[in-house]
Amino acid sequence: MLIAGLRSLVLFLVLCISIVLSKSWITDSQGLIIYTLGLLAYLSIECINLRLTQPKLFWINPAVLASIFTFILAFGFSNMLFFMPNELIEMVGLEPIATPWMNLLMRLVVLGALAMWLGYASPIGEALGRSLQGSKFLNRVIRSSNYVNYLVICLCVLISLVTRILMIRLGVYGFSADYEQVIAAAAYTQYLSMGESLGQLALVGMGLSYFASPRPKLTDTILFLLILTFEVLFGFLSGYKSQVFMPFIIVGLVFYTQRGRFPKWFLPLVLVGIVLAYAVIEPFRDARHQDLSFEGTSIGSIATTMVAAGSDGSETEDRPSTALSVLARINMTHAASKGIEYAAMSPVNESGPNFLSDLLLSPAHAVIPRMFWDSKPYQNIGLWYTFEVMGLADPTLSSTAMGPFTYLNFAGGPVAVVIGFFIVGLLQRALFDGMRQFGGGGLIVFLGLLRNLVLIDSAFNSFLTSIIRLPALLVPAQYFLLCRSKDNSASRG
């Protein structure tokens, strides 16, 4: 009853702040502070309430993690940037001013947070979770064992290795990819991405088996560490910072599912991974565009450029500190507010994305291959946003994330934001309640979906297609990856 009253109060306060801002009774900076503090307070209370009422596996609950990563970090805590000295803000490429568009964005963010938690708490989400638990099909095909088939683990790693090498050779891998090659290979790159992701699947499976055992065998330890190293190394080669420290996060989450706590080394290891990622990959990205001899289709060229750029400290004094870079990287308020302004000032031109159509057709996009659908849209919305909305014409720049609130605003304004995030909350509750009851196989399926349920994609239609497509891959994958329960003793040998 109290939490329902809180949600009503939040809605009332959003209305009051909107009126006060429209009358110019407070400044835009003051409005941004109020929205930010209100968002932080509301989500903190929701999470504390859930901790008290549903403590089991609290730290992998997707509603909690989405509150932290999609809301608090990206649109809450990191907003402190806009109240730092101007020279620091400009150093990371942001404008040292709070704008009316930021406040309009923050209104959508708060409404989205409210809608997500309403969806999570609704009887519909709970009923969907129960229906998954009672599914005869899922009870028949999902393994309850935590122990892996070593042959399948090795096969997954081998396929992932071969796929990644092939993607590099084709020029479609990571930050080294050539945009024209990516478009030319669009009909089959999604299948290559599936093969690449088998490495992370092997890491999850081996982690479950390793941490489920009170005394793992030496061979298990060696295999587990080799897979972890494999994922981290290719994380560096991808040129994406998140891919460097994501394996450590995966390992920590798997440990938590088996032991009910995070290991002491979890946070230090993730922080080290973040620091290394920024220290190596930021210089590499600069060198990748400046080095005329760079070959994105050669592992040797990628590695050589990365090592040379990382060891060259000639420009380090011109760079912001790692902490400031991380803060600027996770903040989405500035970039997302540009889309709010663009939508208010002018309609999306004909050459731009058809947001509403892509959103409504996302179930079809999930199941119909591009080879049978020539007009199926490409996922290049970030480049359109960079050039059309941000007004950046530099061809060396990469995609810009607009955030799911801006995407949904393009699709249908505040109504689309509320409906979209209500659906997010429903799916979070259904999959969390439904899959964690199935043992090891259920955890593999759930952890495979967790990133999509937590880091809501800037292209919201991609969120929907992933939620439809991934279970069809993860359910068969866990079936082959894990041993039958009666084979556990044999698998431990």
Protein backbone atom coordinates (compact mmCIF):
# COMPACT_ATOMS: atom_id res chain seq x y z
CA MET A 1 0.00 0.00 0.00
CA LEU A 2 2.83 2.40 0.88
CA ILE A 3 4.69 1.67 -2.34
CA ALA A 4 1.50 2.27 -4.36
CA GLY A 5 1.15 5.64 -2.62
CA LEU A 6 4.77 6.44 -3.47
CA ARG A 7 4.15 5.76 -7.17
CA SER A 8 1.14 8.07 -7.14
CA LEU A 9 3.22 10.74 -5.40
CA VAL A 10 5.98 10.43 -8.04
CA LEU A 11 3.44 10.94 -10.83
CA PHE A 12 2.00 13.98 -9.05
CA LEU A 13 5.48 15.48 -8.53
CA VAL A 14 6.35 15.00 -12.21
CA LEU A 15 3.24 16.99 -13.11
CA CYS A 16 4.12 19.73 -10.59
CA ILE A 17 7.74 20.03 -11.79
CA SER A 18 6.57 20.23 -15.41
CA ILE A 19 4.22 23.10 -14.56
CA VAL A 20 6.82 24.95 -12.50
CA LEU A 21 9.39 24.67 -15.31
CA SER A 22 6.87 25.80 -17.94
CA LYS A 23 6.19 28.93 -15.86
CA SER A 24 9.96 29.56 -15.48
CA TRP A 25 9.59 29.69 -11.71
CA ILE A 26 12.82 27.69 -11.44
CA THR A 27 15.83 27.52 -13.74
CA ASP A 28 16.67 24.60 -16.01
CA SER A 29 19.62 23.72 -13.76
CA GLN A 30 17.35 23.61 -10.72
CA GLY A 31 14.85 21.48 -12.65
CA LEU A 32 17.60 19.03 -13.63
CA ILE A 33 18.69 18.75 -9.99
CA ILE A 34 15.13 18.12 -8.80
CA TYR A 35 14.43 15.50 -11.47
CA THR A 36 17.76 13.77 -10.82
CA LEU A 37 17.39 13.66 -7.04
CA GLY A 38 13.77 12.56 -7.38
CA LEU A 39 14.75 9.73 -9.72
CA LEU A 40 17.50 8.57 -7.36
CA ALA A 41 15.21 8.69 -4.31
CA TYR A 42 12.32 6.89 -6.00
CA LEU A 43 14.42 4.05 -7.42
CA SER A 44 16.29 3.62 -4.13
CA ILE A 45 12.99 3.14 -2.28
CA GLU A 46 11.71 0.68 -4.90
CA CYS A 47 14.90 -1.39 -4.62
CA ILE A 48 14.89 -1.33 -0.81
CA ASN A 49 11.25 -2.42 -0.79
CA LEU A 50 12.04 -5.32 -3.14
CA ARG A 51 15.03 -6.30 -0.99
CA LEU A 52 12.69 -6.62 1.99
CA THR A 53 9.91 -8.48 0.17
CA GLN A 54 11.83 -10.61 -2.39
CA PRO A 55 15.41 -11.09 -1.16
CA LYS A 56 16.23 -14.26 -3.12
CA LEU A 57 18.83 -13.57 -5.84
CA PHE A 58 18.18 -9.87 -5.32
CA TRP A 59 21.40 -8.75 -7.02
CA ILE A 60 20.56 -10.42 -10.32
CA ASN A 61 16.96 -9.22 -10.31
CA PRO A 62 16.63 -7.45 -13.70
CA ALA A 63 14.40 -4.69 -12.32
CA VAL A 64 17.05 -3.81 -9.72
CA LEU A 65 19.93 -3.95 -12.21
CA ALA A 66 17.98 -1.94 -14.82
CA SER A 67 17.24 0.66 -12.14
CA ILE A 68 20.98 0.93 -11.51
CA PHE A 69 22.40 0.79 -15.03
CA THR A 70 19.68 2.09 -17.37
CA PHE A 71 18.38 4.76 -14.97
CA ILE A 72 20.62 5.68 -12.02
CA LEU A 73 24.02 5.60 -13.73
CA ALA A 74 23.03 6.85 -17.19
CA PHE A 75 20.50 9.54 -16.18
CA GLY A 76 21.02 10.04 -12.45
CA PHE A 77 24.40 9.80 -10.74
CA SER A 78 26.35 10.83 -13.85
CA ASN A 79 24.34 14.07 -14.15
CA MET A 80 26.81 15.54 -11.68
CA LEU A 81 28.90 16.22 -14.79
CA PHE A 82 26.73 19.24 -15.62
CA PHE A 83 27.56 20.90 -12.33
CA MET A 84 31.34 20.51 -12.58
CA PRO A 85 33.68 23.31 -13.73
CA ASN A 86 33.13 24.22 -17.38
CA GLU A 87 36.63 23.27 -18.48
CA LEU A 88 36.17 19.70 -17.20
CA ILE A 89 32.81 19.34 -18.94
CA GLU A 90 34.19 20.65 -22.24
CA MET A 91 37.19 18.32 -21.96
CA VAL A 92 34.88 15.31 -22.41
CA GLY A 93 32.95 16.92 -25.28
CA LEU A 94 29.79 17.98 -23.40
CA GLU A 95 28.08 21.35 -23.17
CA PRO A 96 28.40 22.99 -19.73
CA ILE A 97 24.74 23.95 -19.47
CA ALA A 98 21.43 22.41 -18.46
CA THR A 99 18.81 22.83 -21.19
CA PRO A 100 15.00 22.66 -21.28
CA TRP A 101 15.36 19.54 -23.44
CA MET A 102 17.27 17.79 -20.67
CA ASN A 103 14.35 18.40 -18.34
CA LEU A 104 11.85 17.10 -20.91
CA LEU A 105 14.06 14.03 -21.25
CA MET A 106 14.28 13.56 -17.47
CA ARG A 107 10.49 13.70 -17.28
CA LEU A 108 10.37 10.77 -19.70
CA VAL A 109 13.05 8.94 -17.70
CA VAL A 110 11.08 9.24 -14.46
CA LEU A 111 7.88 8.14 -16.22
CA GLY A 112 9.78 5.20 -17.73
CA ALA A 113 11.11 4.17 -14.30
CA LEU A 114 7.62 4.37 -12.84
CA ALA A 115 6.15 2.33 -15.71
CA MET A 116 8.86 -0.34 -15.44
CA TRP A 117 8.22 -0.92 -11.74
CA LEU A 118 4.45 -0.90 -12.29
CA GLY A 119 4.94 -3.59 -14.94
CA TYR A 120 7.20 -5.61 -12.66
CA ALA A 121 4.71 -5.44 -9.77
CA SER A 122 1.63 -6.12 -11.89
CA PRO A 123 -0.32 -9.39 -11.59
CA ILE A 124 0.25 -9.92 -15.32
CA GLY A 125 4.03 -10.29 -14.93
CA GLU A 126 3.59 -12.61 -11.96
CA ALA A 127 1.10 -14.75 -13.90
CA LEU A 128 3.44 -14.96 -16.89
CA GLY A 129 6.21 -16.17 -14.55
CA ARG A 130 3.95 -18.90 -13.14
CA SER A 131 3.00 -20.00 -16.65
CA LEU A 132 6.67 -20.44 -17.53
CA GLN A 133 7.26 -22.44 -14.35
CA GLY A 134 4.36 -24.74 -15.20
CA SER A 135 5.25 -25.17 -18.88
CA LYS A 136 5.42 -28.88 -19.72
CA PHE A 137 7.76 -28.18 -22.61
CA LEU A 138 10.25 -26.21 -20.51
CA ASN A 139 10.13 -28.75 -17.69
CA ARG A 140 10.98 -31.43 -20.22
CA VAL A 141 13.83 -29.74 -22.08
CA ILE A 142 15.59 -27.52 -19.49
CA ARG A 143 18.34 -29.28 -17.57
CA SER A 144 18.41 -28.89 -13.82
CA SER A 145 22.06 -29.93 -13.60
CA ASN A 146 24.90 -27.45 -13.02
CA TYR A 147 27.54 -29.67 -14.61
CA VAL A 148 28.71 -29.38 -18.18
CA ASN A 149 29.52 -31.62 -21.07
CA TYR A 150 33.21 -30.85 -21.60
CA LEU A 151 33.14 -31.81 -25.27
CA VAL A 152 30.36 -29.29 -25.95
CA ILE A 153 32.23 -26.61 -23.94
CA CYS A 154 35.35 -27.09 -26.07
CA LEU A 155 33.25 -27.13 -29.25
CA CYS A 156 31.60 -23.82 -28.26
CA VAL A 157 34.98 -22.18 -27.71
CA LEU A 158 36.30 -23.56 -31.01
CA ILE A 159 33.28 -22.30 -32.97
CA SER A 160 33.58 -18.91 -31.26
CA LEU A 161 37.28 -18.70 -32.15
CA VAL A 162 36.75 -19.67 -35.80
CA THR A 163 33.79 -17.27 -36.11
CA ARG A 164 35.73 -14.34 -34.66
CA ILE A 165 38.69 -14.98 -36.96
CA LEU A 166 36.30 -15.16 -39.92
CA MET A 167 34.61 -11.91 -38.87
CA ILE A 168 37.99 -10.19 -38.67
CA ARG A 169 38.97 -11.50 -42.10
CA LEU A 170 35.65 -10.26 -43.54
CA GLY A 171 36.12 -6.82 -41.95
CA VAL A 172 32.98 -6.99 -39.80
CA TYR A 173 34.45 -7.47 -36.31
CA GLY A 174 34.18 -4.90 -33.57
CA PHE A 175 35.51 -1.36 -33.85
CA SER A 176 37.89 -2.39 -36.63
CA ALA A 177 34.94 -3.23 -38.90
CA ASP A 178 34.45 -1.41 -42.17
CA TYR A 179 30.96 0.08 -42.43
CA GLU A 180 30.52 -0.84 -46.11
CA GLN A 181 31.55 -4.42 -45.37
CA VAL A 182 29.08 -4.59 -42.48
CA ILE A 183 26.24 -3.48 -44.77
CA ALA A 184 27.32 -5.86 -47.54
CA ALA A 185 27.39 -8.78 -45.09
CA ALA A 186 24.17 -7.82 -43.28
CA ALA A 187 22.35 -10.94 -44.52
CA TYR A 188 24.55 -13.24 -42.44
CA THR A 189 26.34 -11.16 -39.77
CA GLN A 190 23.65 -12.00 -37.22
CA TYR A 191 24.53 -15.68 -37.62
CA LEU A 192 28.21 -14.89 -37.19
CA SER A 193 27.33 -12.98 -34.01
CA MET A 194 25.55 -16.08 -32.72
CA GLY A 195 28.68 -18.13 -33.30
CA GLU A 196 30.82 -15.50 -31.60
CA SER A 197 28.53 -15.49 -28.53
CA LEU A 198 29.18 -19.19 -27.92
CA GLY A 199 32.38 -18.13 -26.14
CA GLN A 200 30.38 -16.31 -23.47
CA LEU A 201 27.96 -19.23 -23.31
CA ALA A 202 30.90 -21.55 -22.60
CA LEU A 203 32.11 -19.15 -19.89
CA VAL A 204 28.69 -19.17 -18.19
CA GLY A 205 28.40 -22.95 -18.41
CA MET A 206 31.92 -23.61 -17.16
CA GLY A 207 31.41 -21.04 -14.40
CA LEU A 208 28.25 -22.79 -13.20
CA SER A 209 30.05 -26.12 -13.11
CA TYR A 210 33.16 -24.69 -11.45
CA PHE A 211 31.43 -22.71 -8.69
CA ALA A 212 28.82 -25.42 -8.02
CA SER A 213 31.58 -27.74 -6.87
CA PRO A 214 32.99 -27.23 -3.35
CA ARG A 215 36.36 -28.56 -4.52
CA PRO A 216 36.83 -28.11 -8.30
CA LYS A 217 39.30 -30.34 -10.09
CA LEU A 218 42.55 -28.87 -11.40
CA THR A 219 41.44 -29.51 -14.98
CA ASP A 220 38.24 -27.55 -14.33
CA THR A 221 40.25 -24.64 -12.95
CA ILE A 222 42.58 -24.60 -15.95
CA LEU A 223 39.73 -24.83 -18.48
CA PHE A 224 37.74 -22.12 -16.69
CA LEU A 225 40.71 -19.72 -16.62
CA LEU A 226 41.54 -20.42 -20.27
CA ILE A 227 37.98 -19.55 -21.37
CA LEU A 228 38.02 -16.38 -19.24
CA THR A 229 41.36 -15.33 -20.76
CA PHE A 230 40.07 -16.11 -24.25
CA GLU A 231 37.05 -13.83 -23.77
CA VAL A 232 39.12 -10.97 -22.31
CA LEU A 233 41.70 -11.08 -25.12
CA PHE A 234 39.04 -10.95 -27.81
CA GLY A 235 37.36 -8.21 -25.81
CA PHE A 236 40.48 -6.11 -26.38
CA LEU A 237 40.60 -7.07 -30.07
CA SER A 238 36.96 -6.02 -30.48
CA GLY A 239 37.86 -2.44 -29.57
CA TYR A 240 34.83 -2.18 -27.29
CA LYS A 241 35.55 -1.38 -23.66
CA SER A 242 32.55 -3.24 -22.28
CA GLN A 243 33.76 -6.45 -23.91
CA VAL A 244 36.97 -6.28 -21.87
CA PHE A 245 35.41 -6.22 -18.41
CA MET A 246 32.14 -8.02 -19.26
CA PRO A 247 33.71 -11.49 -18.78
CA PHE A 248 34.60 -10.55 -15.18
CA ILE A 249 31.02 -9.39 -14.58
CA ILE A 250 29.69 -12.66 -16.03
CA VAL A 251 31.95 -14.69 -13.73
CA GLY A 252 30.86 -12.63 -10.70
CA LEU A 253 27.16 -13.10 -11.52
CA VAL A 254 27.58 -16.85 -12.00
CA PHE A 255 29.44 -17.05 -8.66
CA TYR A 256 26.53 -15.20 -7.01
CA THR A 257 23.95 -17.64 -8.39
CA GLN A 258 25.84 -20.56 -6.83
CA ARG A 259 27.09 -19.09 -3.55
CA GLY A 260 24.49 -16.42 -2.77
CA ARG A 261 27.15 -13.70 -2.52
CA PHE A 262 29.72 -11.95 -4.67
CA PRO A 263 33.38 -12.95 -4.30
CA LYS A 264 35.77 -10.51 -2.62
CA TRP A 265 37.78 -10.21 -5.82
CA PHE A 266 34.73 -9.25 -7.95
CA LEU A 267 34.70 -5.46 -7.60
CA PRO A 268 38.52 -4.97 -7.70
CA LEU A 269 38.77 -7.16 -10.81
CA VAL A 270 35.98 -5.30 -12.62
CA LEU A 271 37.57 -1.94 -11.74
CA VAL A 272 40.95 -3.13 -13.03
CA GLY A 273 39.25 -4.29 -16.21
CA ILE A 274 37.59 -0.89 -16.70
CA VAL A 275 40.87 0.99 -16.16
CA LEU A 276 42.75 -1.29 -18.58
CA ALA A 277 39.98 -1.01 -21.16
CA TYR A 278 40.13 2.78 -21.15
CA ALA A 279 43.93 2.85 -21.06
CA VAL A 280 44.26 0.57 -24.10
CA ILE A 281 41.15 1.02 -26.23
CA GLU A 282 40.79 4.82 -26.26
CA PRO A 283 44.28 5.30 -27.79
CA PHE A 284 43.61 2.38 -30.14
CA ARG A 285 40.44 4.01 -31.46
CA ASP A 286 42.35 7.20 -32.25
CA ALA A 287 45.16 5.27 -33.93
CA ARG A 288 42.72 3.11 -35.88
CA HIS A 289 41.59 6.19 -37.84
CA GLN A 290 44.95 7.94 -38.02
CA ASP A 291 47.10 5.01 -39.15
CA LEU A 292 46.78 4.78 -42.93
CA SER A 293 48.40 1.32 -42.91
CA PHE A 294 45.85 -0.10 -40.47
CA GLU A 295 44.19 -3.29 -41.69
CA GLY A 296 40.96 -4.19 -39.91
CA THR A 297 41.01 -7.60 -41.57
CA SER A 298 44.26 -8.67 -39.91
CA ILE A 299 44.58 -9.83 -36.30
CA GLY A 300 48.26 -8.88 -36.44
CA SER A 301 47.52 -5.33 -37.59
CA ILE A 302 44.81 -4.85 -34.93
CA ALA A 303 47.05 -6.19 -32.15
CA THR A 304 50.11 -4.22 -33.31
CA THR A 305 48.16 -0.97 -33.54
CA MET A 306 46.64 -1.58 -30.11
CA VAL A 307 49.99 -2.27 -28.43
CA ALA A 308 51.69 0.68 -30.14
CA ALA A 309 48.87 3.08 -29.28
CA GLY A 310 48.69 1.87 -25.69
CA SER A 311 52.43 2.35 -25.15
CA ASP A 312 52.49 5.83 -26.71
CA GLY A 313 52.00 8.36 -23.93
CA SER A 314 52.58 11.46 -26.06
CA GLU A 315 48.96 12.66 -25.80
CA THR A 316 48.08 11.54 -22.30
CA GLU A 317 48.18 15.06 -20.85
CA ASP A 318 45.47 16.12 -23.31
CA ARG A 319 43.14 13.38 -22.16
CA PRO A 320 40.69 13.64 -19.27
CA SER A 321 41.22 11.39 -16.28
CA THR A 322 39.91 7.83 -16.47
CA ALA A 323 37.29 8.57 -13.79
CA LEU A 324 36.00 11.60 -15.73
CA SER A 325 36.02 9.61 -18.99
CA VAL A 326 34.00 6.80 -17.41
CA LEU A 327 31.50 9.29 -15.99
CA ALA A 328 31.10 10.98 -19.37
CA ARG A 329 30.84 7.64 -21.14
CA ILE A 330 28.00 6.33 -19.00
CA ASN A 331 26.03 9.59 -19.01
CA MET A 332 23.35 9.71 -21.69
CA THR A 333 21.47 12.85 -20.69
CA HIS A 334 23.28 15.17 -23.10
CA ALA A 335 23.13 12.95 -26.20
CA ALA A 336 19.58 11.75 -25.55
CA SER A 337 18.26 15.30 -24.99
CA LYS A 338 19.43 16.25 -28.51
CA GLY A 339 16.88 13.78 -29.88
CA ILE A 340 14.13 15.28 -27.73
CA GLU A 341 14.95 18.69 -29.19
CA TYR A 342 15.12 17.30 -32.75
CA ALA A 343 11.71 15.60 -32.41
CA ALA A 344 10.14 18.81 -31.11
CA MET A 345 11.63 21.01 -33.83
CA SER A 346 11.16 18.93 -36.96
CA PRO A 347 9.71 15.58 -38.11
CA VAL A 348 12.08 12.76 -39.01
CA ASN A 349 12.86 13.02 -42.73
CA GLU A 350 11.95 10.25 -45.16
CA SER A 351 15.49 8.90 -45.27
CA GLY A 352 15.51 8.50 -41.48
CA PRO A 353 14.31 5.55 -39.41
CA ASN A 354 10.63 4.69 -39.22
CA PHE A 355 10.54 4.33 -35.45
CA LEU A 356 6.93 3.30 -34.92
CA SER A 357 6.87 0.87 -37.83
CA ASP A 358 10.13 -0.78 -36.74
CA LEU A 359 8.76 -1.08 -33.22
CA LEU A 360 5.48 -2.70 -34.31
CA LEU A 361 7.23 -5.03 -36.76
CA SER A 362 9.95 -6.12 -34.31
CA PRO A 363 8.39 -9.59 -33.76
CA ALA A 364 8.56 -10.18 -37.52
CA HIS A 365 12.12 -8.81 -37.66
CA ALA A 366 13.06 -11.37 -35.00
CA VAL A 367 11.98 -14.43 -36.96
CA ILE A 368 12.21 -13.58 -40.68
CA PRO A 369 15.77 -13.73 -42.09
CA ARG A 370 17.00 -10.83 -44.20
CA MET A 371 17.49 -13.14 -47.18
CA PHE A 372 13.69 -13.45 -47.38
CA TRP A 373 13.02 -9.77 -46.63
CA ASP A 374 15.04 -7.40 -48.80
CA SER A 375 13.57 -4.25 -47.23
CA LYS A 376 14.24 -5.35 -43.65
CA PRO A 377 15.80 -2.29 -41.95
CA TYR A 378 19.47 -2.23 -41.01
CA GLN A 379 20.45 -1.55 -37.42
CA ASN A 380 22.38 1.62 -38.33
CA ILE A 381 20.19 4.01 -36.36
CA GLY A 382 23.20 5.16 -34.32
CA LEU A 383 24.95 6.52 -37.42
CA TRP A 384 21.79 8.37 -38.48
CA TYR A 385 21.63 9.90 -35.00
CA THR A 386 25.29 10.93 -35.15
CA PHE A 387 24.99 12.73 -38.46
CA GLU A 388 21.38 13.95 -38.51
CA VAL A 389 20.62 14.73 -34.87
CA MET A 390 24.03 15.43 -33.33
CA GLY A 391 25.14 17.23 -36.49
CA LEU A 392 28.55 15.56 -36.55
CA ALA A 393 29.80 15.08 -40.09
CA ASP A 394 33.20 13.56 -39.30
CA PRO A 395 33.23 10.16 -41.10
CA THR A 396 35.58 8.68 -38.49
CA LEU A 397 32.95 9.01 -35.76
CA SER A 398 31.03 5.94 -34.68
CA SER A 399 27.40 5.47 -33.74
CA THR A 400 25.79 7.58 -31.03
CA ALA A 401 23.42 5.93 -28.55
CA MET A 402 20.23 7.95 -28.18
CA GLY A 403 18.84 5.95 -25.25
CA PRO A 404 15.55 4.04 -25.20
CA PHE A 405 13.56 7.07 -23.96
CA THR A 406 14.49 9.15 -26.99
CA TYR A 407 13.73 6.25 -29.34
CA LEU A 408 10.30 5.71 -27.81
CA ASN A 409 9.66 9.46 -27.86
CA PHE A 410 10.31 9.42 -31.61
CA ALA A 411 7.89 6.47 -31.91
CA GLY A 412 5.00 7.94 -29.95
CA GLY A 413 5.94 10.44 -27.27
CA PRO A 414 5.37 9.90 -23.53
CA VAL A 415 2.64 7.31 -24.19
CA ALA A 416 5.13 5.10 -26.05
CA VAL A 417 7.66 5.50 -23.21
CA VAL A 418 5.12 4.40 -20.59
CA ILE A 419 3.84 1.44 -22.64
CA GLY A 420 7.35 0.38 -23.64
CA PHE A 421 8.76 0.33 -20.13
CA PHE A 422 5.62 -1.27 -18.70
CA ILE A 423 6.32 -4.14 -21.11
CA VAL A 424 9.96 -4.18 -19.96
CA GLY A 425 8.80 -4.60 -16.36
CA LEU A 426 6.40 -7.41 -17.31
CA LEU A 427 9.16 -9.32 -19.11
CA GLN A 428 11.63 -8.78 -16.27
CA ARG A 429 9.22 -10.29 -13.73
CA ALA A 430 8.11 -13.14 -16.00
CA LEU A 431 11.63 -14.26 -16.95
CA PHE A 432 13.13 -13.78 -13.49
CA ASP A 433 10.37 -15.73 -11.73
CA GLY A 434 9.97 -18.23 -14.53
CA MET A 435 13.53 -19.28 -15.40
CA ARG A 436 15.40 -19.28 -12.08
CA GLN A 437 13.30 -22.22 -10.86
CA PHE A 438 14.75 -24.59 -13.46
CA GLY A 439 18.24 -25.01 -11.98
CA GLY A 440 21.39 -24.72 -14.08
CA GLY A 441 19.65 -24.73 -17.47
CA GLY A 442 17.20 -22.05 -16.37
CA LEU A 443 20.06 -19.91 -15.09
CA ILE A 444 21.87 -20.20 -18.43
CA VAL A 445 18.75 -19.02 -20.28
CA PHE A 446 18.13 -16.24 -17.77
CA LEU A 447 21.76 -15.02 -17.72
CA GLY A 448 21.77 -15.10 -21.52
CA LEU A 449 18.82 -12.71 -21.48
CA LEU A 450 19.95 -10.62 -18.51
CA ARG A 451 21.97 -8.04 -20.43
CA ASN A 452 18.99 -7.25 -22.65
CA LEU A 453 16.69 -6.97 -19.63
CA VAL A 454 19.11 -4.66 -17.79
CA LEU A 455 20.80 -2.48 -20.43
CA ILE A 456 17.71 -1.51 -22.40
CA ASP A 457 18.85 -1.00 -25.99
CA SER A 458 18.83 2.49 -27.47
CA ALA A 459 17.05 0.94 -30.45
CA PHE A 460 14.07 -0.27 -28.44
CA ASN A 461 12.91 -2.52 -31.28
CA SER A 462 16.19 -4.45 -30.86
CA PHE A 463 15.24 -5.11 -27.24
CA LEU A 464 12.02 -6.76 -28.38
CA THR A 465 13.64 -8.78 -31.17
CA SER A 466 16.32 -10.06 -28.77
CA ILE A 467 13.77 -11.16 -26.17
CA ILE A 468 11.93 -13.09 -28.89
CA ARG A 469 14.99 -14.53 -30.65
CA LEU A 470 17.38 -15.42 -27.83
CA PRO A 471 15.25 -17.97 -25.91
CA ALA A 472 14.92 -20.00 -29.12
CA LEU A 473 18.74 -20.25 -29.13
CA LEU A 474 19.45 -20.48 -25.40
CA VAL A 475 17.01 -23.30 -24.60
CA PRO A 476 18.58 -25.76 -27.09
CA ALA A 477 22.06 -24.51 -26.13
CA GLN A 478 21.65 -25.33 -22.42
CA TYR A 479 20.19 -28.72 -23.33
CA PHE A 480 23.41 -29.77 -25.07
CA LEU A 481 25.77 -27.82 -22.81
CA LEU A 482 24.66 -29.41 -19.52
CA CYS A 483 24.64 -33.04 -18.47
CA ARG A 484 21.49 -34.83 -17.38
CA SER A 485 21.15 -34.84 -13.59
CA LYS A 486 21.82 -38.56 -13.36
CA ASP A 487 25.05 -38.03 -15.29
CA ASN A 488 26.44 -35.52 -12.79
CA SER A 489 28.71 -37.96 -11.01
CA ALA A 490 30.08 -39.23 -14.27
CA SER A 491 30.73 -35.70 -15.53
CA ARG A 492 32.74 -34.94 -12.40
CA GLY A 493 34.63 -38.22 -12.84
